[in-house]
Amino acid sequence: MDAILETPALLLDEARMQRNIARMQGRMDQLGVAFRPHVKTSKCLEVARRQLAAGARGITVSTLKEAEEFFGAGIDDILYAVAIVPNKLNHALKLIRAGLRLTLLVESSAMAQQLAAHGAEHGVCYEALIEIDTDGHRSGVKPDDPVLLEIAAALNGGAHLKGVMTHAGASYDLNTPEALAAMAEQERARCVAAATRLRAAGHACPVVSVGSTPTALSAAHLEDVTEVRAGVYVFFDMVMVDVGVCRVDEVAISVLCTVIGHQQDKGWIITDGGWMAMSRDLGHDHHGYGMVCDADGQPLPELGFGKANQEHGVLQWRGAPDVSVAQRYPVGTSLRVLPNHACATAAQHGQYHVIPQNGGDWQVWPRFSGW
């Protein structure tokens, strides 16, 4: 480890990340579907390049800022997987006119009408997916809702129906292989049902896009699905450990922090890694603000992380009561914390300090944020 690295710092284990990429891409190849990774997890060109090199076809983004950044780096097939709204249409138009193959998302007939009108006004034809609600988790149209056909009918002239898309976010609340497999099948079947209904009404629907990390890794088959999206798999995190789709030793990012003080009577170890370094996401609240590890990334079950201030992490000793935490973890000790939610923790940092898989000097990979 680089002894002069200031903390808190976001570390990325390149070897673990590459194994995660290979695992997911191999799974998609086995299931016979295209894979379009969600790059909101990393917001990092170096990570996305490795996903594409492994076989991904295009990427998924959560902001138009991401679309602009990745397009500027040469990635020209992008799905913006958040429902478009009027105040973002000019930004989308600018990217399309620059040559980006941008697919947009709608979930209401009113927005479909506005999208088509905007396209007609500016001489473009927007490609759009309809978001399908397959689990009641978030947004989208249920497969049997009458509004589904209304949205499709509104996508004409300045907009074109490209297909349907869903995200089974409710899978994050599951924790058995059987439940995950059932959710994966529910996601697949309901999204395919929406596409079938659209086709029966005379609408072409070439794209059927599904995905979340848990369902992608749990699906028995993906019949009639054309592409899968997943994001957090590239790093994994403690929520994914709790869900059961990865092990602790497959989590590829961690936050390096340093012991700055103690409260011996309380059994507290104070670090410089507070919630600004970790995010406030407590995940399933099984690990506090994250799983504490030693400097080499080995878990320290005797240390909890149930309290944090903005720039202070407060670790709680859970071992033998007669231990001096100040002696065991003196000021200056390096610790690493595995995050609950990789996307949220990474968003707190401007760069990754990369532990190279083949040895040699550490690298720094920039990431970006904002909208």
Foldseek 3Di string as FASTA:
>chain_A
DPLPDDDFAKAFAVVLLLVLLLVLLVLCVVQPAAEAEEALLQLFQVSVVSSVVSPHDHHEYQDLVSVVVNVVVPGAEYEHPDADDDVCLVSVVVSVVVPHNYEHEHAALVVLLVQQVVQQVVVAEHEYAFEEDQAPPDDGHFLPDPRLLSSQVSRDRNYAYAAYEYELPVLLVAADLVVLQVSLVSQLVRLLSSCVVNVVVPGDHQAREYEEVSSSQRHPHRPPHHYYYYYCSSQPFVSCVRSPSDPLVSRGMKTKWWFADDDQVQQKTKIQQFCLQQPCDCAVVPQAFFFKAFPVSHTDVQWGFNDGDNGITIIHGNDDSVDGPCVVRPGGGMMIGTGNRSSRNSQSDQWYFYQDPVDDHTDITGRDDDD
